């Protein structure tokens, strides 16, 4: 089962490299002006480090698993917050347009807000799913059930 744990690490690393090469990191994480996507990405990385610490320690690994689970929950919650903030940005730009220039600005604001709303939700879900799969592989490797007991 040690292989499964490290295979997940390798798959995650390859996924990040592929996302970088496809331009998804720049499009969704780095271009988010609210900073929520960046916070989710950082939390996902911190959660991964907690999983690695749990893997290294034979005793007391439960607290690291618990912390990683809490971080996964925060990723989802931040994704939902980003959805709401993105919708506020999108709807904040909707005004009665009297000319082409105002209409263009309204559409740009709407598109940016929707991009933030959808992007933060996706990033939050991906980070939480990764940490959940990581925890499951860890539990399989140590022969525990899903709750880490």
Protein backbone atom coordinates (compact mmCIF):
# COMPACT_ATOMS: atom_id res chain seq x y z
CA UNK A 1 0.00 0.00 0.00
CA UNK A 2 2.99 2.29 0.30
CA UNK A 3 3.00 2.31 -3.48
CA UNK A 4 -0.55 3.72 -3.58
CA UNK A 5 0.41 6.59 -1.30
CA UNK A 6 3.41 7.57 -3.40
CA UNK A 7 1.51 6.99 -6.65
CA UNK A 8 -1.03 9.58 -5.52
CA UNK A 9 1.82 12.00 -4.76
CA UNK A 10 3.29 11.44 -8.22
CA UNK A 11 -0.11 11.81 -9.90
CA UNK A 12 -0.69 15.08 -8.07
CA UNK A 13 2.70 16.41 -9.11
CA UNK A 14 2.07 15.41 -12.73
CA UNK A 15 -1.37 17.01 -12.55
CA UNK A 16 0.12 20.28 -11.37
CA UNK A 17 2.73 20.21 -14.13
CA UNK A 18 0.02 19.48 -16.72
CA UNK A 19 -2.14 22.31 -15.34
CA UNK A 20 0.83 24.65 -15.58
CA UNK A 21 1.59 23.65 -19.18
CA UNK A 22 -2.07 23.99 -20.19
CA UNK A 23 -2.17 27.48 -18.69
CA UNK A 24 -4.86 26.59 -16.15
CA UNK A 25 -2.82 27.79 -13.19
CA UNK A 26 -2.40 31.23 -14.69
CA UNK A 27 -5.99 31.35 -15.91
CA UNK A 28 -7.74 30.34 -12.72
CA UNK A 29 -5.39 30.66 -9.79
CA UNK A 30 -3.06 33.51 -10.60
CA UNK A 31 -5.59 35.75 -12.36
CA UNK A 32 -8.08 35.75 -9.45
CA UNK A 33 -7.97 39.31 -8.15
CA UNK A 34 -9.79 38.39 -4.93
CA UNK A 35 -6.94 36.13 -3.78
CA UNK A 36 -9.35 33.34 -2.80
CA UNK A 37 -8.00 30.92 -5.40
CA UNK A 38 -4.46 31.55 -4.23
CA UNK A 39 -5.52 30.93 -0.61
CA UNK A 40 -7.15 27.64 -1.60
CA UNK A 41 -4.04 26.55 -3.51
CA UNK A 42 -1.81 27.39 -0.54
CA UNK A 43 -4.13 25.53 1.84
CA UNK A 44 -4.03 22.50 -0.47
CA UNK A 45 -0.24 22.52 -0.39
CA UNK A 46 -0.19 22.93 3.40
CA UNK A 47 -2.66 20.03 3.72
CA UNK A 48 -0.37 17.89 1.58
CA UNK A 49 2.54 18.68 3.87
CA UNK A 50 0.45 17.57 6.85
CA UNK A 51 -0.29 14.32 5.04
CA UNK A 52 3.44 13.83 4.42
CA UNK A 53 4.16 14.52 8.09
CA UNK A 54 1.54 11.96 9.08
CA UNK A 55 3.19 9.48 6.72
CA UNK A 56 6.62 10.05 8.28
CA UNK A 57 5.45 9.69 11.88
CA UNK A 58 4.42 6.30 13.15
CA UNK A 59 3.05 7.69 16.42
CA UNK A 60 0.73 10.65 16.65
CA UNK A 61 -0.21 10.66 12.98
CA UNK A 62 -3.89 11.15 13.88
CA UNK A 63 -3.44 14.84 14.64
CA UNK A 64 -1.87 15.42 11.23
CA UNK A 65 -4.73 13.56 9.54
CA UNK A 66 -7.23 15.63 11.52
CA UNK A 67 -5.49 18.86 10.51
CA UNK A 68 -5.47 17.79 6.85
CA UNK A 69 -9.19 17.00 7.09
CA UNK A 70 -9.87 20.44 8.55
CA UNK A 71 -7.85 22.05 5.77
CA UNK A 72 -9.84 20.11 3.15
CA UNK A 73 -13.04 21.46 4.69
CA UNK A 74 -11.64 24.99 4.57
CA UNK A 75 -10.83 24.55 0.87
CA UNK A 76 -14.46 23.75 0.11
CA UNK A 77 -15.70 26.62 2.26
CA UNK A 78 -13.33 29.07 0.59
CA UNK A 79 -14.51 27.79 -2.79
CA UNK A 80 -18.09 28.55 -1.79
CA UNK A 81 -17.06 31.97 -0.50
CA UNK A 82 -15.37 32.61 -3.84
CA UNK A 83 -18.60 31.67 -5.60
CA UNK A 84 -20.49 34.27 -3.62
CA UNK A 85 -17.82 36.94 -4.09
CA UNK A 86 -17.71 36.20 -7.81
CA UNK A 87 -21.48 36.53 -8.07
CA UNK A 88 -21.31 39.87 -6.24
CA UNK A 89 -18.67 41.07 -8.69
CA UNK A 90 -20.73 39.82 -11.62
CA UNK A 91 -23.96 41.40 -10.45
CA UNK A 92 -22.24 44.57 -9.25
CA UNK A 93 -21.32 45.38 -12.83
CA UNK A 94 -24.84 44.96 -14.15
CA UNK A 95 -26.27 48.40 -14.73
CA UNK A 96 -28.55 49.97 -17.23
CA UNK A 97 -26.28 50.44 -20.22
CA UNK A 98 -26.92 53.46 -22.37
CA UNK A 99 -24.09 52.98 -24.81
CA UNK A 100 -21.75 50.45 -26.31
CA UNK A 101 -18.89 51.37 -23.95
CA UNK A 102 -21.06 50.86 -20.84
CA UNK A 103 -22.40 47.60 -22.25
CA UNK A 104 -18.86 46.38 -22.88
CA UNK A 105 -17.84 47.19 -19.29
CA UNK A 106 -20.95 45.49 -17.93
CA UNK A 107 -20.25 42.32 -19.88
CA UNK A 108 -16.58 42.35 -18.81
CA UNK A 109 -17.59 42.63 -15.15
CA UNK A 110 -20.16 39.87 -15.55
CA UNK A 111 -17.63 37.55 -17.19
CA UNK A 112 -14.94 38.27 -14.59
CA UNK A 113 -17.33 37.63 -11.72
CA UNK A 114 -18.54 34.36 -13.20
CA UNK A 115 -14.97 33.27 -13.82
CA UNK A 116 -14.10 33.91 -10.18
CA UNK A 117 -17.27 32.17 -9.00
CA UNK A 118 -16.69 29.04 -11.05
CA UNK A 119 -12.90 28.99 -10.71
CA UNK A 120 -12.84 29.20 -6.92
CA UNK A 121 -15.46 26.47 -6.63
CA UNK A 122 -13.50 24.17 -8.91
CA UNK A 123 -10.18 24.83 -7.18
CA UNK A 124 -11.73 24.32 -3.73
CA UNK A 125 -13.31 21.03 -4.75
CA UNK A 126 -10.13 19.75 -6.39
CA UNK A 127 -8.03 20.58 -3.33
CA UNK A 128 -10.52 18.92 -0.97
CA UNK A 129 -10.85 15.85 -3.19
CA UNK A 130 -7.09 15.49 -3.43
CA UNK A 131 -6.69 15.67 0.35
CA UNK A 132 -9.56 13.20 0.82
CA UNK A 133 -8.06 10.71 -1.63
CA UNK A 134 -4.68 11.22 -0.01
CA UNK A 135 -6.17 10.45 3.42
CA UNK A 136 -7.93 7.36 2.07
CA UNK A 137 -4.66 6.05 0.60
CA UNK A 138 -2.91 6.73 3.89
CA UNK A 139 -5.59 4.83 5.83
CA UNK A 140 -5.40 1.94 3.37
CA UNK A 141 -1.63 1.83 3.79
CA UNK A 142 -1.83 1.62 7.58
CA UNK A 143 -4.82 -0.70 7.56
CA UNK A 144 -7.26 1.72 9.23
CA UNK A 145 -10.84 2.54 8.35
CA UNK A 146 -11.89 5.81 6.69
CA UNK A 147 -12.07 7.72 9.98
CA UNK A 148 -8.40 7.17 10.72
CA UNK A 149 -9.11 4.87 13.68
